[in-house]
Amino acid sequence: MESQLWVIATLVSSIVMIVFAIVKFKLHPFLALLLASFYVGTSMGMGPVEMVNAIENGIGGTLGFLAAIIGLGTILGKMMEVSGAAERIGLTLQKCRWLSPEVIMVLIGLVCGITLFVEVGVVLLIPLAFSIAKKTNTSLLNLAIPLCTALMAVHCIVPPHPAALYVTNALGADIGTVIFYGLLIGLTASLVGGPLFLKVVGANLPFKKVPEEFTSLEVKNENELPSLGATLFTVLLPIILMLTKTAAELNMEHGTTVYSILEFLGNPITAMFIAAFVAYYILGIKQNMGMSILLEKTEGAFASIANILLIIGAGGAFNGVLKGSGLADVLAQILSNLDMPPILLAWLVAIILHAAVGSATVAMMGATAIVAPLLPLYPDISPEIITLAIGSGAIGCTIVTDSLFWLVKQYCGASMSETFKYYTTATFIASFVALGGTFLLSYII
């Protein structure tokens, strides 16, 4: 009993340490996670060499797979930005008269968000919201909230986003299954948390026009943009390749030449590698951009991923120490005695960590370390379901600790209380709906 109390106290105090280091002392999450790793290792009685080895293996094991994916995803996202492909999707959806502007923003967020980090997606796509708000005389909150909720949903539950891909890989889930059901859950959660929630709020939603400092942000001319077909093909290509691999695993005889080819093409690294070159050609060269310009544009984008690589690497180190110290196993034993479904537990841990730390990525990695040792105790629950449950939790509680909260506040010219009242509530509703969807799916897969 005493050792169980010590384990709980160590875990809770390490999370408090991470929160305080990031929020109070403004320490970078990379340093905060490493600090917590050393603290947990020391508290659990690990030897200095054993502790450093666990940290090293945690970083290497995590980034060994994800570094290439993140790099290739950055190229894809940058090509979406410089070619105006994201704007093409937005302008096309605007022409669908039977779709409301709010639903259009959800669809833009979901499709474009597949290749964009969430903050990059907000900055890149918000001019579309400005444009539609001006044309339709709609409150900016009506458009920005559905857009940002959808971007957050796809960021948390649809690979090849780094955090979603990390959880999928760590839990041994099938990537194609997670993508397929993640998109379904993400769409449902975004529609309920965005347009439906705003419809219920209705007349109480304050009218927000485009803030003065952003009025110069303009959408490109339509004739400068790539075609819709070329855009969708490029964006969806890695997803299609990964889903094809899953279909082959379910329906084809293993070991055949065709199966081996599809297995190779559907590997996340291969799929993203192919998509990056397709993007270079379709969204770059065919748009009259030379390779020297493309190199300059994409090379500049790599500086922005150093931050995410460091955070994910340190998250891997923290997880490595939790496992290496034996804390994760004892914790799994404690949690298994709680009368709580593992789906609810995974969701709860992720949403609490996101609210505390302010990073969905860090929250999902921490939740994975805590929940993963429980999986063998519940053989009837698939790793895909737990992956979706963790992602569903990370969608919720976007508060002052999260940079996304401040982006929405600034771009919408909203007050703190308005951002809490509408955007934080929207992400919580989306998270709760995603949890419900995950529970329903658990009876299917």
Protein backbone atom coordinates (compact mmCIF):
# COMPACT_ATOMS: atom_id res chain seq x y z
CA MET A 1 0.00 0.00 0.00
CA GLU A 2 2.83 2.35 0.92
CA SER A 3 4.56 1.73 -2.43
CA GLN A 4 1.28 2.43 -4.28
CA LEU A 5 0.86 5.73 -2.45
CA TRP A 6 4.46 6.65 -3.32
CA VAL A 7 3.84 5.88 -7.02
CA ILE A 8 0.68 8.03 -7.10
CA ALA A 9 2.43 10.86 -5.23
CA THR A 10 5.41 10.69 -7.63
CA LEU A 11 3.20 10.80 -10.74
CA VAL A 12 0.94 13.59 -9.45
CA SER A 13 3.88 15.70 -8.25
CA SER A 14 5.69 15.19 -11.58
CA ILE A 15 2.63 16.45 -13.50
CA VAL A 16 2.31 19.41 -11.10
CA MET A 17 6.02 20.08 -11.71
CA ILE A 18 5.48 20.11 -15.50
CA VAL A 19 2.47 22.44 -15.18
CA PHE A 20 4.25 24.88 -12.86
CA ALA A 21 7.43 24.83 -14.93
CA ILE A 22 5.54 25.67 -18.14
CA VAL A 23 2.79 27.97 -16.84
CA LYS A 24 4.35 29.72 -13.84
CA PHE A 25 8.07 29.75 -14.66
CA LYS A 26 7.65 29.96 -18.47
CA LEU A 27 10.05 27.07 -19.01
CA HIS A 28 10.00 25.47 -22.46
CA PRO A 29 7.97 22.19 -22.43
CA PHE A 30 11.11 20.34 -23.63
CA LEU A 31 13.00 21.35 -20.48
CA ALA A 32 9.96 20.86 -18.22
CA LEU A 33 9.46 17.28 -19.47
CA LEU A 34 13.16 16.44 -19.09
CA LEU A 35 13.14 17.89 -15.56
CA ALA A 36 10.13 15.71 -14.70
CA SER A 37 11.89 12.68 -16.23
CA PHE A 38 14.92 13.12 -13.93
CA TYR A 39 12.61 13.74 -10.97
CA VAL A 40 10.55 10.56 -11.57
CA GLY A 41 13.69 8.46 -12.15
CA THR A 42 15.29 9.71 -8.91
CA SER A 43 12.07 9.33 -6.89
CA MET A 44 11.59 5.74 -8.11
CA GLY A 45 15.17 4.79 -7.18
CA MET A 46 16.66 4.42 -10.66
CA GLY A 47 20.45 4.48 -10.94
CA PRO A 48 21.94 7.51 -12.74
CA VAL A 49 23.12 5.47 -15.76
CA GLU A 50 19.86 3.50 -15.94
CA MET A 51 17.91 6.77 -15.83
CA VAL A 52 19.93 8.44 -18.59
CA ASN A 53 19.64 5.29 -20.74
CA ALA A 54 15.85 5.28 -20.30
CA ILE A 55 15.69 8.96 -21.33
CA GLU A 56 17.97 8.34 -24.32
CA ASN A 57 15.97 5.29 -25.46
CA GLY A 58 12.70 7.18 -24.95
CA ILE A 59 13.82 10.08 -27.14
CA GLY A 60 15.37 7.82 -29.80
CA GLY A 61 12.44 5.39 -29.92
CA THR A 62 9.95 8.21 -30.31
CA LEU A 63 11.75 10.45 -32.79
CA GLY A 64 13.23 7.56 -34.79
CA PHE A 65 9.82 7.04 -36.34
CA LEU A 66 8.22 10.47 -36.06
CA ALA A 67 11.05 12.81 -37.15
CA ALA A 68 10.76 11.79 -40.81
CA ILE A 69 6.94 12.01 -40.72
CA ILE A 70 7.00 15.49 -39.19
CA GLY A 71 9.61 16.70 -41.70
CA LEU A 72 7.67 15.36 -44.69
CA GLY A 73 4.39 16.68 -43.26
CA THR A 74 5.97 20.13 -42.95
CA ILE A 75 6.87 20.09 -46.67
CA LEU A 76 3.30 19.09 -47.54
CA GLY A 77 1.82 21.80 -45.31
CA LYS A 78 4.17 24.47 -46.68
CA MET A 79 3.26 23.56 -50.27
CA MET A 80 -0.42 23.91 -49.31
CA GLU A 81 0.38 27.38 -48.03
CA VAL A 82 2.58 28.78 -50.82
CA SER A 83 0.40 27.41 -53.66
CA GLY A 84 -2.89 28.63 -52.20
CA ALA A 85 -4.28 25.07 -52.18
CA ALA A 86 -6.04 25.61 -48.86
CA GLU A 87 -7.74 28.71 -50.27
CA ARG A 88 -8.88 26.73 -53.32
CA ILE A 89 -10.74 24.31 -51.02
CA GLY A 90 -12.30 27.22 -49.13
CA LEU A 91 -13.41 29.10 -52.25
CA THR A 92 -14.94 25.95 -53.75
CA LEU A 93 -16.92 25.20 -50.60
CA GLN A 94 -18.16 28.80 -50.53
CA LYS A 95 -19.94 28.12 -53.83
CA CYS A 96 -22.00 25.31 -52.24
CA ARG A 97 -25.14 27.36 -51.55
CA TRP A 98 -26.75 24.54 -49.56
CA LEU A 99 -23.95 24.60 -46.95
CA SER A 100 -24.02 27.22 -44.19
CA PRO A 101 -20.82 29.29 -43.69
CA GLU A 102 -20.28 27.55 -40.31
CA VAL A 103 -20.39 24.05 -41.86
CA ILE A 104 -18.08 25.24 -44.66
CA MET A 105 -15.50 26.29 -42.06
CA VAL A 106 -15.68 22.85 -40.39
CA LEU A 107 -15.06 21.11 -43.72
CA ILE A 108 -12.19 23.47 -44.57
CA GLY A 109 -10.64 22.81 -41.15
CA LEU A 110 -10.97 19.03 -41.48
CA VAL A 111 -9.63 18.70 -45.03
CA CYS A 112 -6.85 21.28 -44.82
CA GLY A 113 -6.02 20.32 -41.24
CA ILE A 114 -4.84 16.87 -42.38
CA THR A 115 -1.53 18.38 -43.55
CA LEU A 116 -1.22 21.40 -41.22
CA PHE A 117 -0.17 21.79 -37.58
CA VAL A 118 -3.10 23.30 -35.70
CA GLU A 119 -1.55 26.74 -35.06
CA VAL A 120 -0.28 26.95 -38.65
CA GLY A 121 -3.76 25.96 -39.85
CA VAL A 122 -5.36 28.80 -37.88
CA VAL A 123 -2.93 31.43 -39.19
CA LEU A 124 -3.19 30.15 -42.79
CA LEU A 125 -6.97 29.70 -42.92
CA ILE A 126 -8.22 32.63 -40.84
CA PRO A 127 -8.11 35.02 -43.87
CA LEU A 128 -10.79 32.78 -45.43
CA ALA A 129 -12.93 33.33 -42.34
CA PHE A 130 -12.34 37.09 -42.68
CA SER A 131 -13.35 36.99 -46.34
CA ILE A 132 -16.57 35.02 -45.71
CA ALA A 133 -17.43 37.20 -42.68
CA LYS A 134 -17.21 40.34 -44.83
CA LYS A 135 -19.24 38.88 -47.70
CA THR A 136 -22.02 37.42 -45.54
CA ASN A 137 -21.98 40.04 -42.75
CA THR A 138 -21.53 37.22 -40.22
CA SER A 139 -19.94 37.46 -36.77
CA LEU A 140 -16.32 36.32 -36.94
CA LEU A 141 -16.93 34.05 -33.93
CA ASN A 142 -19.51 32.18 -36.05
CA LEU A 143 -16.75 31.19 -38.48
CA ALA A 144 -13.56 31.05 -36.42
CA ILE A 145 -14.95 28.73 -33.73
CA PRO A 146 -16.07 25.94 -36.15
CA LEU A 147 -12.77 26.29 -38.08
CA CYS A 148 -10.55 26.09 -35.00
CA THR A 149 -12.61 23.29 -33.41
CA ALA A 150 -12.24 21.20 -36.59
CA LEU A 151 -8.50 21.92 -36.80
CA MET A 152 -8.12 20.82 -33.17
CA ALA A 153 -10.13 17.63 -33.74
CA VAL A 154 -8.13 16.52 -36.78
CA HIS A 155 -4.88 17.45 -34.97
CA CYS A 156 -5.70 15.11 -32.06
CA ILE A 157 -7.31 12.07 -33.66
CA VAL A 158 -6.23 11.77 -37.30
CA PRO A 159 -2.76 10.48 -38.24
CA PRO A 160 -0.38 11.50 -39.79
CA HIS A 161 -0.56 14.32 -37.23
CA PRO A 162 2.45 13.73 -34.94
CA ALA A 163 0.63 13.24 -31.61
CA ALA A 164 -2.09 11.04 -33.14
CA LEU A 165 0.55 9.02 -34.99
CA TYR A 166 2.64 8.68 -31.80
CA VAL A 167 -0.29 7.27 -29.82
CA THR A 168 -1.27 4.96 -32.70
CA ASN A 169 2.28 3.62 -32.91
CA ALA A 170 2.83 3.37 -29.14
CA LEU A 171 -0.38 1.40 -28.56
CA GLY A 172 0.10 -0.82 -31.62
CA ALA A 173 -3.12 0.39 -33.27
CA ASP A 174 -3.80 0.04 -37.00
CA ILE A 175 -3.18 3.42 -38.64
CA GLY A 176 -5.79 3.05 -41.40
CA THR A 177 -8.52 2.17 -38.91
CA VAL A 178 -7.62 5.14 -36.71
CA ILE A 179 -7.66 7.49 -39.74
CA PHE A 180 -11.04 6.25 -41.00
CA TYR A 181 -12.86 6.34 -37.66
CA GLY A 182 -10.92 9.44 -36.54
CA LEU A 183 -12.25 11.40 -39.52
CA LEU A 184 -15.82 10.23 -38.79
CA ILE A 185 -15.59 11.14 -35.10
CA GLY A 186 -13.75 14.39 -35.87
CA LEU A 187 -16.44 15.51 -38.34
CA THR A 188 -19.30 14.68 -35.97
CA ALA A 189 -17.61 16.30 -32.95
CA SER A 190 -16.72 19.44 -34.93
CA LEU A 191 -20.24 19.87 -36.32
CA VAL A 192 -21.81 19.51 -32.86
CA GLY A 193 -19.17 21.57 -31.01
CA GLY A 194 -19.09 24.24 -33.74
CA PRO A 195 -22.20 25.01 -35.86
CA LEU A 196 -24.79 23.20 -33.70
CA PHE A 197 -23.54 24.75 -30.44
CA LEU A 198 -23.48 28.22 -32.05
CA LYS A 199 -27.02 27.69 -33.37
CA VAL A 200 -28.21 26.94 -29.83
CA VAL A 201 -26.43 30.07 -28.54
CA GLY A 202 -28.03 32.00 -31.42
CA ALA A 203 -28.81 35.64 -30.75
CA ASN A 204 -26.61 35.67 -27.62
CA LEU A 205 -23.44 35.36 -29.76
CA PRO A 206 -21.79 38.82 -29.91
CA PHE A 207 -21.15 40.27 -33.36
CA LYS A 208 -17.42 40.49 -34.09
CA LYS A 209 -16.11 42.13 -37.25
CA VAL A 210 -12.59 41.65 -38.62
CA PRO A 211 -10.20 43.47 -36.20
CA GLU A 212 -8.47 46.54 -37.65
CA GLU A 213 -4.97 45.03 -37.50
CA PHE A 214 -6.06 42.09 -39.71
CA THR A 215 -8.05 43.93 -42.36
CA SER A 216 -5.06 43.85 -44.74
CA LEU A 217 -5.01 40.02 -44.78
CA GLU A 218 -6.38 39.13 -48.19
CA VAL A 219 -7.25 35.88 -49.98
CA LYS A 220 -5.44 35.26 -53.30
CA ASN A 221 -7.16 35.70 -56.65
CA GLU A 222 -8.95 32.55 -57.78
CA ASN A 223 -7.10 32.34 -61.11
CA GLU A 224 -3.76 32.10 -59.25
CA LEU A 225 -4.77 28.96 -57.36
CA PRO A 226 -4.27 25.27 -58.27
CA SER A 227 -7.34 23.30 -59.39
CA LEU A 228 -9.59 21.61 -56.82
CA GLY A 229 -8.82 18.14 -58.21
CA ALA A 230 -5.05 18.68 -57.95
CA THR A 231 -5.44 20.10 -54.44
CA LEU A 232 -7.59 17.27 -53.07
CA PHE A 233 -5.43 14.60 -54.72
CA THR A 234 -2.29 16.01 -53.07
CA VAL A 235 -3.87 16.50 -49.63
CA LEU A 236 -5.59 13.12 -49.50
CA LEU A 237 -2.87 11.02 -51.19
CA PRO A 238 -1.06 9.94 -47.96
CA ILE A 239 -4.40 9.15 -46.30
CA ILE A 240 -5.50 7.05 -49.32
CA LEU A 241 -2.20 5.12 -49.34
CA MET A 242 -2.44 4.36 -45.60
CA LEU A 243 -6.09 3.30 -45.88
CA THR A 244 -5.19 1.04 -48.85
CA LYS A 245 -2.60 -0.69 -46.66
CA THR A 246 -5.25 -1.35 -44.00
CA ALA A 247 -7.68 -2.69 -46.62
CA ALA A 248 -4.93 -5.01 -47.94
CA GLU A 249 -4.23 -6.32 -44.42
CA LEU A 250 -7.92 -7.13 -43.93
CA ASN A 251 -8.75 -8.56 -47.35
CA MET A 252 -5.60 -9.90 -49.04
CA GLU A 253 -3.44 -12.94 -48.55
CA HIS A 254 -0.28 -11.89 -46.73
CA GLY A 255 3.06 -12.58 -48.39
CA THR A 256 1.97 -12.00 -52.00
CA THR A 257 3.84 -9.49 -54.18
CA VAL A 258 0.83 -7.15 -54.45
CA TYR A 259 0.33 -7.25 -50.68
CA SER A 260 4.02 -6.44 -50.06
CA ILE A 261 3.84 -3.46 -52.47
CA LEU A 262 0.71 -2.08 -50.79
CA GLU A 263 2.25 -2.66 -47.34
CA PHE A 264 5.30 -0.66 -48.44
CA LEU A 265 3.34 2.18 -50.08
CA GLY A 266 0.98 2.46 -47.10
CA ASN A 267 3.73 2.78 -44.51
CA PRO A 268 3.40 6.34 -43.09
CA ILE A 269 6.98 7.27 -44.01
CA THR A 270 6.62 6.02 -47.63
CA ALA A 271 3.15 7.57 -48.01
CA MET A 272 4.29 10.98 -46.76
CA PHE A 273 7.49 10.79 -48.87
CA ILE A 274 5.48 10.16 -52.05
CA ALA A 275 2.98 12.90 -51.13
CA ALA A 276 5.80 15.43 -50.56
CA PHE A 277 7.17 14.87 -54.09
CA VAL A 278 3.67 14.95 -55.60
CA ALA A 279 3.11 18.28 -53.78
CA TYR A 280 6.39 19.64 -55.15
CA TYR A 281 5.25 18.80 -58.68
CA ILE A 282 1.49 19.53 -58.63
CA LEU A 283 1.46 22.49 -56.21
CA GLY A 284 4.89 23.85 -57.12
CA ILE A 285 6.38 23.12 -60.53
CA LYS A 286 2.97 23.06 -62.28
CA GLN A 287 2.23 26.44 -60.65
CA ASN A 288 5.34 27.88 -62.33
CA MET A 289 7.59 27.70 -59.27
CA GLY A 290 11.18 26.56 -59.87
CA MET A 291 12.96 24.05 -57.63
CA SER A 292 15.20 26.78 -56.18
CA ILE A 293 12.10 28.69 -54.98
CA LEU A 294 10.55 25.49 -53.61
CA LEU A 295 13.76 24.64 -51.76
CA GLU A 296 13.88 28.12 -50.22
CA LYS A 297 10.21 27.99 -49.15
CA THR A 298 10.32 24.49 -47.65
CA GLU A 299 13.77 24.90 -46.09
CA GLY A 300 12.48 27.92 -44.19
CA ALA A 301 9.59 25.84 -42.85
CA PHE A 302 11.89 23.32 -41.14
CA ALA A 303 12.90 25.89 -38.50
CA SER A 304 9.31 25.86 -37.22
CA ILE A 305 9.34 22.11 -36.49
CA ALA A 306 12.32 22.20 -34.13
CA ASN A 307 9.90 23.12 -31.33
CA ILE A 308 7.53 20.19 -31.94
CA LEU A 309 10.42 17.72 -32.37
CA LEU A 310 11.96 18.75 -29.03
CA ILE A 311 8.61 18.51 -27.19
CA ILE A 312 7.82 15.08 -28.67
CA GLY A 313 11.35 13.86 -27.94
CA ALA A 314 11.10 14.97 -24.30
CA GLY A 315 7.64 13.40 -24.07
CA GLY A 316 9.24 10.14 -25.22
CA ALA A 317 11.92 10.55 -22.53
CA PHE A 318 9.26 11.04 -19.83
CA ASN A 319 7.40 7.94 -21.04
CA GLY A 320 10.67 5.99 -21.16
CA VAL A 321 11.40 6.80 -17.51
CA LEU A 322 7.81 5.96 -16.44
CA LYS A 323 8.25 2.52 -18.02
CA GLY A 324 11.91 1.96 -17.04
CA SER A 325 11.32 2.89 -13.39
CA GLY A 326 8.39 0.46 -13.07
CA LEU A 327 6.02 3.33 -12.23
CA ALA A 328 3.83 2.63 -15.28
CA ASP A 329 3.29 -1.02 -14.29
CA VAL A 330 2.36 -0.21 -10.68
CA LEU A 331 0.08 2.57 -11.92
CA ALA A 332 -1.63 0.16 -14.32
CA GLN A 333 -2.32 -2.16 -11.40
CA ILE A 334 -3.81 0.72 -9.36
CA LEU A 335 -5.94 2.02 -12.24
CA SER A 336 -7.24 -1.47 -13.06
CA ASN A 337 -8.77 -1.59 -9.56
CA LEU A 338 -10.78 1.58 -10.23
CA ASP A 339 -14.35 0.94 -11.27
CA MET A 340 -13.99 3.02 -14.44
CA PRO A 341 -14.12 1.94 -18.10
CA PRO A 342 -10.64 2.28 -19.68
CA ILE A 343 -12.12 4.42 -22.51
CA LEU A 344 -13.39 6.97 -19.98
CA LEU A 345 -10.11 6.81 -18.06
CA ALA A 346 -8.04 7.47 -21.22
CA TRP A 347 -10.29 10.41 -22.14
CA LEU A 348 -10.22 11.85 -18.62
CA VAL A 349 -6.42 11.69 -18.27
CA ALA A 350 -5.93 13.37 -21.67
CA ILE A 351 -8.43 16.21 -21.09
CA ILE A 352 -7.04 16.96 -17.61
CA LEU A 353 -3.45 16.99 -18.91
CA HIS A 354 -4.41 19.26 -21.84
CA ALA A 355 -6.10 21.74 -19.50
CA ALA A 356 -3.10 21.65 -17.16
CA VAL A 357 -0.18 21.71 -19.60
CA GLY A 358 -1.78 23.60 -22.51
CA SER A 359 -0.39 21.31 -25.20
CA ALA A 360 -2.55 18.62 -26.80
CA THR A 361 0.64 16.88 -27.95
CA VAL A 362 2.15 16.70 -24.45
CA ALA A 363 -1.25 15.66 -23.02
CA MET A 364 -1.60 12.78 -25.48
CA MET A 365 1.94 11.51 -24.86
CA GLY A 366 1.47 11.68 -21.09
CA ALA A 367 -1.91 9.94 -21.30
CA THR A 368 -0.37 7.19 -23.45
CA ALA A 369 2.32 6.50 -20.85
CA ILE A 370 -0.30 6.28 -18.09
CA VAL A 371 -2.91 4.24 -20.00
CA ALA A 372 -0.74 1.93 -22.19
CA PRO A 373 0.13 -0.57 -19.40
CA LEU A 374 -3.62 -1.12 -18.87
CA LEU A 375 -4.22 -2.51 -22.36
CA PRO A 376 -3.21 -6.13 -21.61
CA LEU A 377 -5.76 -6.14 -18.75
CA TYR A 378 -8.59 -5.37 -21.21
CA PRO A 379 -8.08 -7.70 -24.21
CA ASP A 380 -11.65 -7.03 -25.40
CA ILE A 381 -10.90 -3.32 -26.01
CA SER A 382 -8.89 -2.63 -29.15
CA PRO A 383 -5.86 -0.29 -29.16
CA GLU A 384 -7.60 1.72 -31.89
CA ILE A 385 -10.41 2.60 -29.47
CA ILE A 386 -8.00 3.69 -26.72
CA THR A 387 -6.08 5.76 -29.31
CA LEU A 388 -9.31 7.55 -30.27
CA ALA A 389 -10.26 7.99 -26.59
CA ILE A 390 -6.94 9.71 -25.81
CA GLY A 391 -7.28 11.95 -28.88
CA SER A 392 -10.90 12.76 -27.96
CA GLY A 393 -9.80 13.91 -24.52
CA ALA A 394 -7.01 16.11 -25.90
CA ILE A 395 -9.51 18.06 -28.06
CA GLY A 396 -11.20 19.49 -24.97
CA CYS A 397 -10.49 22.27 -22.49
CA THR A 398 -8.58 24.70 -24.70
CA ILE A 399 -7.95 27.36 -22.05
CA VAL A 400 -5.39 30.09 -21.24
CA THR A 401 -2.57 27.55 -21.00
CA ASP A 402 -2.97 26.75 -24.73
CA SER A 403 -1.60 29.08 -27.44
CA LEU A 404 -4.67 28.25 -29.56
CA PHE A 405 -6.89 30.02 -27.01
CA TRP A 406 -4.92 33.25 -27.52
CA LEU A 407 -4.88 32.90 -31.32
CA VAL A 408 -8.69 32.66 -31.41
CA LYS A 409 -9.04 35.55 -28.97
CA GLN A 410 -6.74 37.85 -30.97
CA TYR A 411 -8.03 37.02 -34.44
CA CYS A 412 -11.67 37.39 -33.36
CA GLY A 413 -11.09 40.54 -31.31
CA ALA A 414 -12.90 38.76 -28.45
CA SER A 415 -12.58 39.35 -24.70
CA MET A 416 -11.21 36.67 -22.34
CA SER A 417 -14.67 35.83 -21.03
CA GLU A 418 -16.10 35.58 -24.59
CA THR A 419 -13.30 33.24 -25.68
CA PHE A 420 -13.93 31.04 -22.62
CA LYS A 421 -17.68 31.16 -23.06
CA TYR A 422 -17.70 30.22 -26.74
CA TYR A 423 -14.42 28.63 -27.85
CA THR A 424 -13.48 26.73 -24.66
CA THR A 425 -17.08 25.47 -24.44
CA ALA A 426 -17.02 24.46 -28.13
CA THR A 427 -13.88 22.34 -27.69
CA PHE A 428 -15.28 20.72 -24.54
CA ILE A 429 -18.54 19.81 -26.31
CA ALA A 430 -16.55 18.44 -29.28
CA SER A 431 -14.40 16.40 -26.88
CA PHE A 432 -17.48 15.01 -25.11
CA VAL A 433 -19.17 14.11 -28.43
CA ALA A 434 -15.94 12.42 -29.58
CA LEU A 435 -15.93 10.39 -26.34
CA GLY A 436 -19.52 9.29 -27.04
CA GLY A 437 -18.57 8.34 -30.59
CA THR A 438 -15.62 6.32 -29.31
CA PHE A 439 -17.87 4.44 -26.87
CA LEU A 440 -20.26 3.62 -29.74
CA LEU A 441 -17.38 2.46 -31.93
CA SER A 442 -16.13 0.16 -29.16
CA TYR A 443 -19.11 -2.09 -29.91
CA ILE A 444 -18.02 -2.31 -33.57
CA ILE A 445 -14.21 -2.65 -33.47
